[in-house]
Amino acid sequence: MTLVVVPVRYPLTEHSRRTLGRALEVSREHDAALTVLHVNLYQDGRKVTRTDLKRAVERRFGRVENVRYVVRTGFLVEESILDEVAAEEADIVVIGHKQASRWRRIFRRFTDNPNIDRYLRNHLDCEVITVEGTSI
């Protein structure tokens, strides 16, 4: 079965809601399982739970079928997302344009070509869908 991973902020920001909405569309189009991911940062000291995340998503989108809520803890959001994508062997990752920009800045430190889609496809074998700043 196809797996879609979508990283979001908590509480859900407008950008996260748009990204999550697109991920829900993609998962329906592909009859895919969906993993909604939030990363608690060590340095923030906040502890969002899977229950918090699930309630926030269901308040906005209603009950969602075939979804898994995951909360990871790490120092860098981007690294934690990549770890989850690799561990789950995701087929599709849906990220907001702000997240894509952060990844580009990080990749520029390591490579001359910060093409996130190509990097993830080559290293993690997944498709990346970037959600622009349009409303749902």
N, C-alpha and C. Protein backbone atom coordinates (compact mmCIF):
# COMPACT_ATOMS: atom_id res chain seq x y z
N MET A 1 0.84 -1.18 0.00
CA MET A 1 0.00 0.00 0.00
C MET A 1 0.88 1.25 0.00
N THR A 2 0.45 2.24 -0.71
CA THR A 2 1.15 3.52 -0.79
C THR A 2 1.06 4.23 0.55
N LEU A 3 2.16 4.90 0.94
CA LEU A 3 2.18 5.66 2.19
C LEU A 3 2.52 7.11 1.92
N VAL A 4 1.68 8.00 2.44
CA VAL A 4 1.90 9.44 2.36
C VAL A 4 2.27 9.93 3.76
N VAL A 5 3.33 10.72 3.85
CA VAL A 5 3.73 11.33 5.12
C VAL A 5 3.58 12.84 4.99
N VAL A 6 2.97 13.46 6.00
CA VAL A 6 2.81 14.91 6.01
C VAL A 6 3.25 15.45 7.37
N PRO A 7 4.34 16.22 7.40
CA PRO A 7 4.74 16.87 8.65
C PRO A 7 3.93 18.13 8.87
N VAL A 8 3.49 18.34 10.13
CA VAL A 8 2.70 19.53 10.47
C VAL A 8 3.18 20.12 11.79
N ARG A 9 2.85 21.37 11.98
CA ARG A 9 3.10 22.05 13.25
C ARG A 9 1.89 21.87 14.16
N TYR A 10 2.14 21.97 15.45
CA TYR A 10 1.05 21.97 16.42
C TYR A 10 1.25 23.14 17.36
N PRO A 11 0.18 23.91 17.63
CA PRO A 11 -1.14 23.77 17.04
C PRO A 11 -1.08 24.01 15.53
N LEU A 12 -2.07 23.47 14.84
CA LEU A 12 -2.07 23.56 13.38
C LEU A 12 -2.11 25.01 12.93
N THR A 13 -1.09 25.41 12.19
CA THR A 13 -1.06 26.75 11.61
C THR A 13 -1.87 26.72 10.32
N GLU A 14 -2.11 27.89 9.76
CA GLU A 14 -2.81 27.95 8.48
C GLU A 14 -2.03 27.17 7.41
N HIS A 15 -0.70 27.31 7.41
CA HIS A 15 0.14 26.58 6.45
C HIS A 15 0.02 25.08 6.66
N SER A 16 0.03 24.65 7.92
CA SER A 16 -0.09 23.21 8.20
C SER A 16 -1.45 22.69 7.78
N ARG A 17 -2.50 23.48 7.98
CA ARG A 17 -3.83 23.04 7.56
C ARG A 17 -3.91 22.88 6.05
N ARG A 18 -3.30 23.82 5.30
CA ARG A 18 -3.28 23.69 3.83
C ARG A 18 -2.49 22.45 3.40
N THR A 19 -1.35 22.26 4.02
CA THR A 19 -0.51 21.11 3.67
C THR A 19 -1.23 19.81 4.01
N LEU A 20 -1.84 19.76 5.16
CA LEU A 20 -2.58 18.56 5.57
C LEU A 20 -3.77 18.32 4.65
N GLY A 21 -4.47 19.37 4.27
CA GLY A 21 -5.59 19.22 3.34
C GLY A 21 -5.14 18.61 2.02
N ARG A 22 -4.00 19.07 1.51
CA ARG A 22 -3.46 18.51 0.26
C ARG A 22 -3.05 17.06 0.46
N ALA A 23 -2.45 16.74 1.61
CA ALA A 23 -2.04 15.36 1.89
C ALA A 23 -3.25 14.43 1.95
N LEU A 24 -4.34 14.91 2.51
CA LEU A 24 -5.57 14.11 2.54
C LEU A 24 -6.08 13.84 1.13
N GLU A 25 -6.03 14.86 0.27
CA GLU A 25 -6.44 14.68 -1.13
C GLU A 25 -5.55 13.64 -1.81
N VAL A 26 -4.24 13.77 -1.62
CA VAL A 26 -3.29 12.84 -2.24
C VAL A 26 -3.52 11.42 -1.74
N SER A 27 -3.73 11.27 -0.45
CA SER A 27 -3.93 9.91 0.09
C SER A 27 -5.22 9.29 -0.47
N ARG A 28 -6.26 10.10 -0.65
CA ARG A 28 -7.50 9.58 -1.25
C ARG A 28 -7.28 9.21 -2.72
N GLU A 29 -6.58 10.09 -3.46
CA GLU A 29 -6.31 9.84 -4.88
C GLU A 29 -5.54 8.54 -5.09
N HIS A 30 -4.63 8.22 -4.18
CA HIS A 30 -3.78 7.04 -4.31
C HIS A 30 -4.26 5.86 -3.47
N ASP A 31 -5.41 6.02 -2.81
CA ASP A 31 -5.91 5.00 -1.87
C ASP A 31 -4.78 4.60 -0.93
N ALA A 32 -4.15 5.61 -0.34
CA ALA A 32 -2.94 5.43 0.46
C ALA A 32 -3.19 5.59 1.96
N ALA A 33 -2.30 5.01 2.72
CA ALA A 33 -2.28 5.26 4.16
C ALA A 33 -1.62 6.62 4.37
N LEU A 34 -1.97 7.29 5.45
CA LEU A 34 -1.43 8.62 5.74
C LEU A 34 -0.80 8.63 7.12
N THR A 35 0.40 9.18 7.20
CA THR A 35 1.04 9.42 8.49
C THR A 35 1.14 10.92 8.69
N VAL A 36 0.51 11.41 9.76
CA VAL A 36 0.58 12.82 10.13
C VAL A 36 1.68 12.91 11.19
N LEU A 37 2.70 13.70 10.89
CA LEU A 37 3.90 13.76 11.74
C LEU A 37 4.08 15.14 12.35
N HIS A 38 4.35 15.16 13.64
CA HIS A 38 4.75 16.39 14.33
C HIS A 38 6.06 16.11 15.05
N VAL A 39 6.95 17.11 15.06
CA VAL A 39 8.23 16.95 15.75
C VAL A 39 8.28 17.90 16.93
N ASN A 40 8.40 17.31 18.14
CA ASN A 40 8.66 18.09 19.35
C ASN A 40 10.15 18.38 19.37
N LEU A 41 10.52 19.61 19.50
CA LEU A 41 11.94 19.96 19.58
C LEU A 41 12.42 19.88 21.02
N TYR A 42 13.57 19.22 21.22
CA TYR A 42 14.15 19.12 22.57
C TYR A 42 14.25 20.49 23.22
N GLN A 43 14.74 21.46 22.45
CA GLN A 43 15.05 22.77 23.00
C GLN A 43 13.81 23.59 23.36
N ASP A 44 12.62 23.21 22.84
CA ASP A 44 11.39 23.93 23.15
C ASP A 44 10.78 23.50 24.48
N GLY A 45 10.99 22.26 24.84
CA GLY A 45 10.44 21.74 26.08
C GLY A 45 8.95 21.44 26.03
N ARG A 46 8.29 21.71 24.89
CA ARG A 46 6.87 21.40 24.75
C ARG A 46 6.70 19.93 24.39
N LYS A 47 5.66 19.33 24.91
CA LYS A 47 5.40 17.91 24.65
C LYS A 47 4.02 17.73 24.07
N VAL A 48 3.92 17.80 22.76
CA VAL A 48 2.67 17.52 22.07
C VAL A 48 2.51 16.01 22.03
N THR A 49 1.31 15.51 22.29
CA THR A 49 1.07 14.07 22.26
C THR A 49 0.34 13.68 20.97
N ARG A 50 0.32 12.39 20.71
CA ARG A 50 -0.42 11.89 19.55
C ARG A 50 -1.91 12.24 19.68
N THR A 51 -2.43 12.18 20.90
CA THR A 51 -3.83 12.53 21.14
C THR A 51 -4.09 13.99 20.81
N ASP A 52 -3.19 14.89 21.22
CA ASP A 52 -3.32 16.32 20.88
C ASP A 52 -3.38 16.50 19.37
N LEU A 53 -2.47 15.84 18.69
CA LEU A 53 -2.37 15.96 17.24
C LEU A 53 -3.64 15.43 16.56
N LYS A 54 -4.08 14.26 16.98
CA LYS A 54 -5.28 13.65 16.40
C LYS A 54 -6.50 14.55 16.62
N ARG A 55 -6.68 15.06 17.81
CA ARG A 55 -7.83 15.93 18.10
C ARG A 55 -7.80 17.18 17.23
N ALA A 56 -6.62 17.78 17.07
CA ALA A 56 -6.51 18.99 16.25
C ALA A 56 -6.88 18.70 14.80
N VAL A 57 -6.40 17.59 14.27
CA VAL A 57 -6.70 17.23 12.88
C VAL A 57 -8.20 16.94 12.72
N GLU A 58 -8.77 16.19 13.65
CA GLU A 58 -10.19 15.84 13.54
C GLU A 58 -11.10 17.04 13.75
N ARG A 59 -10.68 18.01 14.56
CA ARG A 59 -11.46 19.24 14.71
C ARG A 59 -11.56 19.99 13.39
N ARG A 60 -10.47 19.96 12.63
CA ARG A 60 -10.42 20.70 11.37
C ARG A 60 -11.01 19.93 10.19
N PHE A 61 -10.72 18.60 10.14
CA PHE A 61 -11.07 17.82 8.95
C PHE A 61 -12.08 16.71 9.21
N GLY A 62 -12.52 16.55 10.44
CA GLY A 62 -13.41 15.44 10.77
C GLY A 62 -12.62 14.15 10.91
N ARG A 63 -13.33 13.06 11.13
CA ARG A 63 -12.66 11.77 11.30
C ARG A 63 -11.98 11.37 10.00
N VAL A 64 -10.75 10.96 10.09
CA VAL A 64 -9.97 10.59 8.92
C VAL A 64 -9.68 9.10 8.97
N GLU A 65 -9.92 8.41 7.87
CA GLU A 65 -9.68 6.97 7.78
C GLU A 65 -8.23 6.70 7.38
N ASN A 66 -7.74 5.54 7.81
CA ASN A 66 -6.43 5.05 7.39
C ASN A 66 -5.30 6.04 7.66
N VAL A 67 -5.31 6.62 8.87
CA VAL A 67 -4.30 7.60 9.25
C VAL A 67 -3.61 7.16 10.54
N ARG A 68 -2.36 7.50 10.63
CA ARG A 68 -1.55 7.23 11.81
C ARG A 68 -0.96 8.55 12.26
N TYR A 69 -1.03 8.82 13.54
CA TYR A 69 -0.48 10.05 14.10
C TYR A 69 0.83 9.71 14.80
N VAL A 70 1.88 10.45 14.44
CA VAL A 70 3.22 10.18 14.97
C VAL A 70 3.80 11.47 15.53
N VAL A 71 4.34 11.39 16.73
CA VAL A 71 5.05 12.52 17.31
C VAL A 71 6.46 12.05 17.63
N ARG A 72 7.44 12.72 17.05
CA ARG A 72 8.85 12.42 17.28
C ARG A 72 9.48 13.58 18.04
N THR A 73 10.60 13.31 18.65
CA THR A 73 11.35 14.35 19.35
C THR A 73 12.74 14.43 18.74
N GLY A 74 13.22 15.65 18.49
CA GLY A 74 14.53 15.82 17.90
C GLY A 74 15.05 17.24 18.06
N PHE A 75 16.29 17.44 17.64
CA PHE A 75 16.90 18.77 17.68
C PHE A 75 16.56 19.57 16.43
N LEU A 76 16.51 18.89 15.28
CA LEU A 76 16.21 19.55 14.01
C LEU A 76 14.95 18.94 13.39
N VAL A 77 13.99 19.78 13.09
CA VAL A 77 12.74 19.31 12.49
C VAL A 77 13.02 18.57 11.19
N GLU A 78 13.83 19.17 10.34
CA GLU A 78 14.09 18.59 9.01
C GLU A 78 14.71 17.20 9.11
N GLU A 79 15.68 17.04 10.01
CA GLU A 79 16.32 15.74 10.17
C GLU A 79 15.33 14.70 10.69
N SER A 80 14.49 15.11 11.63
CA SER A 80 13.48 14.19 12.17
C SER A 80 12.49 13.77 11.10
N ILE A 81 12.12 14.70 10.23
CA ILE A 81 11.20 14.37 9.13
C ILE A 81 11.86 13.37 8.19
N LEU A 82 13.10 13.65 7.80
CA LEU A 82 13.82 12.73 6.90
C LEU A 82 13.95 11.34 7.53
N ASP A 83 14.24 11.29 8.83
CA ASP A 83 14.35 10.00 9.52
C ASP A 83 13.04 9.23 9.45
N GLU A 84 11.93 9.94 9.68
CA GLU A 84 10.61 9.28 9.65
C GLU A 84 10.28 8.80 8.24
N VAL A 85 10.55 9.64 7.25
CA VAL A 85 10.28 9.26 5.86
C VAL A 85 11.07 8.02 5.49
N ALA A 86 12.34 7.97 5.88
CA ALA A 86 13.18 6.82 5.58
C ALA A 86 12.72 5.58 6.35
N ALA A 87 12.43 5.74 7.63
CA ALA A 87 12.03 4.60 8.46
C ALA A 87 10.71 3.98 7.98
N GLU A 88 9.80 4.82 7.55
CA GLU A 88 8.49 4.35 7.10
C GLU A 88 8.50 3.93 5.63
N GLU A 89 9.60 4.23 4.93
CA GLU A 89 9.70 3.96 3.49
C GLU A 89 8.51 4.59 2.76
N ALA A 90 8.31 5.88 3.05
CA ALA A 90 7.19 6.62 2.45
C ALA A 90 7.32 6.69 0.94
N ASP A 91 6.19 6.67 0.28
CA ASP A 91 6.15 6.80 -1.17
C ASP A 91 6.01 8.26 -1.58
N ILE A 92 5.27 9.02 -0.76
CA ILE A 92 5.00 10.43 -1.06
C ILE A 92 5.15 11.24 0.23
N VAL A 93 5.79 12.39 0.13
CA VAL A 93 5.88 13.33 1.24
C VAL A 93 5.23 14.63 0.78
N VAL A 94 4.32 15.14 1.58
CA VAL A 94 3.66 16.41 1.27
C VAL A 94 4.17 17.43 2.27
N ILE A 95 4.85 18.46 1.76
CA ILE A 95 5.40 19.49 2.64
C ILE A 95 4.95 20.87 2.17
N GLY A 96 4.91 21.79 3.11
CA GLY A 96 4.58 23.17 2.77
C GLY A 96 5.77 23.86 2.14
N HIS A 97 5.50 24.94 1.42
CA HIS A 97 6.59 25.64 0.74
C HIS A 97 7.59 26.22 1.73
N LYS A 98 7.17 26.55 2.94
CA LYS A 98 8.10 27.05 3.94
C LYS A 98 9.08 25.95 4.37
N GLN A 99 8.56 24.74 4.53
CA GLN A 99 9.43 23.61 4.90
C GLN A 99 10.42 23.33 3.77
N ALA A 100 9.95 23.39 2.53
CA ALA A 100 10.83 23.16 1.39
C ALA A 100 11.96 24.19 1.37
N SER A 101 11.64 25.43 1.68
CA SER A 101 12.67 26.48 1.71
C SER A 101 13.72 26.19 2.78
N ARG A 102 13.27 25.73 3.95
CA ARG A 102 14.23 25.38 5.01
C ARG A 102 15.13 24.24 4.57
N TRP A 103 14.54 23.23 3.92
CA TRP A 103 15.34 22.11 3.45
C TRP A 103 16.36 22.58 2.42
N ARG A 104 15.97 23.49 1.53
CA ARG A 104 16.91 24.00 0.53
C ARG A 104 18.11 24.67 1.20
N ARG A 105 17.84 25.47 2.23
CA ARG A 105 18.95 26.13 2.94
C ARG A 105 19.88 25.11 3.57
N ILE A 106 19.31 24.08 4.15
CA ILE A 106 20.15 23.05 4.77
C ILE A 106 20.95 22.31 3.72
N PHE A 107 20.31 21.91 2.59
CA PHE A 107 21.01 21.17 1.55
C PHE A 107 22.11 22.00 0.90
N ARG A 108 21.93 23.32 0.85
CA ARG A 108 22.97 24.19 0.28
C ARG A 108 24.28 24.07 1.06
N ARG A 109 24.17 23.76 2.33
CA ARG A 109 25.39 23.59 3.15
C ARG A 109 26.17 22.35 2.74
N PHE A 110 25.47 21.36 2.19
CA PHE A 110 26.10 20.08 1.88
C PHE A 110 26.30 19.81 0.40
N THR A 111 25.58 20.53 -0.44
CA THR A 111 25.64 20.23 -1.87
C THR A 111 25.47 21.51 -2.69
N ASP A 112 25.92 21.47 -3.92
CA ASP A 112 25.77 22.62 -4.81
C ASP A 112 24.36 22.71 -5.40
N ASN A 113 23.63 21.62 -5.39
CA ASN A 113 22.32 21.60 -6.02
C ASN A 113 21.24 21.25 -4.98
N PRO A 114 20.61 22.27 -4.40
CA PRO A 114 19.61 22.01 -3.36
C PRO A 114 18.23 21.65 -3.92
N ASN A 115 18.18 20.68 -4.81
CA ASN A 115 16.90 20.24 -5.37
C ASN A 115 16.34 19.17 -4.44
N ILE A 116 15.41 19.57 -3.58
CA ILE A 116 14.89 18.68 -2.55
C ILE A 116 14.22 17.46 -3.16
N ASP A 117 13.38 17.69 -4.17
CA ASP A 117 12.67 16.58 -4.79
C ASP A 117 13.65 15.54 -5.32
N ARG A 118 14.68 15.99 -6.05
CA ARG A 118 15.68 15.06 -6.60
C ARG A 118 16.44 14.35 -5.48
N TYR A 119 16.85 15.11 -4.45
CA TYR A 119 17.59 14.52 -3.33
C TYR A 119 16.78 13.41 -2.67
N LEU A 120 15.52 13.71 -2.34
CA LEU A 120 14.70 12.71 -1.67
C LEU A 120 14.41 11.52 -2.57
N ARG A 121 14.21 11.78 -3.85
CA ARG A 121 13.95 10.70 -4.79
C ARG A 121 15.17 9.78 -4.88
N ASN A 122 16.37 10.38 -4.95
CA ASN A 122 17.60 9.59 -5.07
C ASN A 122 17.96 8.87 -3.78
N HIS A 123 17.77 9.54 -2.64
CA HIS A 123 18.21 8.97 -1.38
C HIS A 123 17.12 8.22 -0.62
N LEU A 124 15.88 8.59 -0.83
CA LEU A 124 14.80 7.95 -0.08
C LEU A 124 13.76 7.31 -0.99
N ASP A 125 13.89 7.49 -2.30
CA ASP A 125 12.98 6.89 -3.26
C ASP A 125 11.53 7.27 -2.98
N CYS A 126 11.27 8.59 -2.90
CA CYS A 126 9.90 9.03 -2.71
C CYS A 126 9.63 10.29 -3.53
N GLU A 127 8.35 10.53 -3.75
CA GLU A 127 7.91 11.73 -4.45
C GLU A 127 7.66 12.81 -3.40
N VAL A 128 7.98 14.05 -3.74
CA VAL A 128 7.73 15.16 -2.84
C VAL A 128 6.74 16.11 -3.50
N ILE A 129 5.68 16.42 -2.78
CA ILE A 129 4.68 17.38 -3.25
C ILE A 129 4.80 18.60 -2.34
N THR A 130 5.04 19.75 -2.94
CA THR A 130 5.15 20.98 -2.19
C THR A 130 3.86 21.78 -2.34
N VAL A 131 3.30 22.18 -1.22
CA VAL A 131 2.04 22.91 -1.21
C VAL A 131 2.36 24.41 -1.12
N GLU A 132 1.89 25.14 -2.09
CA GLU A 132 2.08 26.58 -2.10
C GLU A 132 1.11 27.26 -1.15
N GLY A 133 1.22 28.55 -1.03
CA GLY A 133 0.44 29.32 -0.06
C GLY A 133 -0.98 29.65 -0.47
N THR A 134 -1.69 28.75 -1.14
CA THR A 134 -3.07 29.01 -1.51
C THR A 134 -4.01 28.46 -0.46
N SER A 135 -5.18 29.01 -0.34
CA SER A 135 -6.15 28.58 0.67
C SER A 135 -6.87 27.31 0.24
N ILE A 136 -7.33 26.58 1.27
CA ILE A 136 -8.14 25.38 1.00
C ILE A 136 -9.56 25.82 0.76
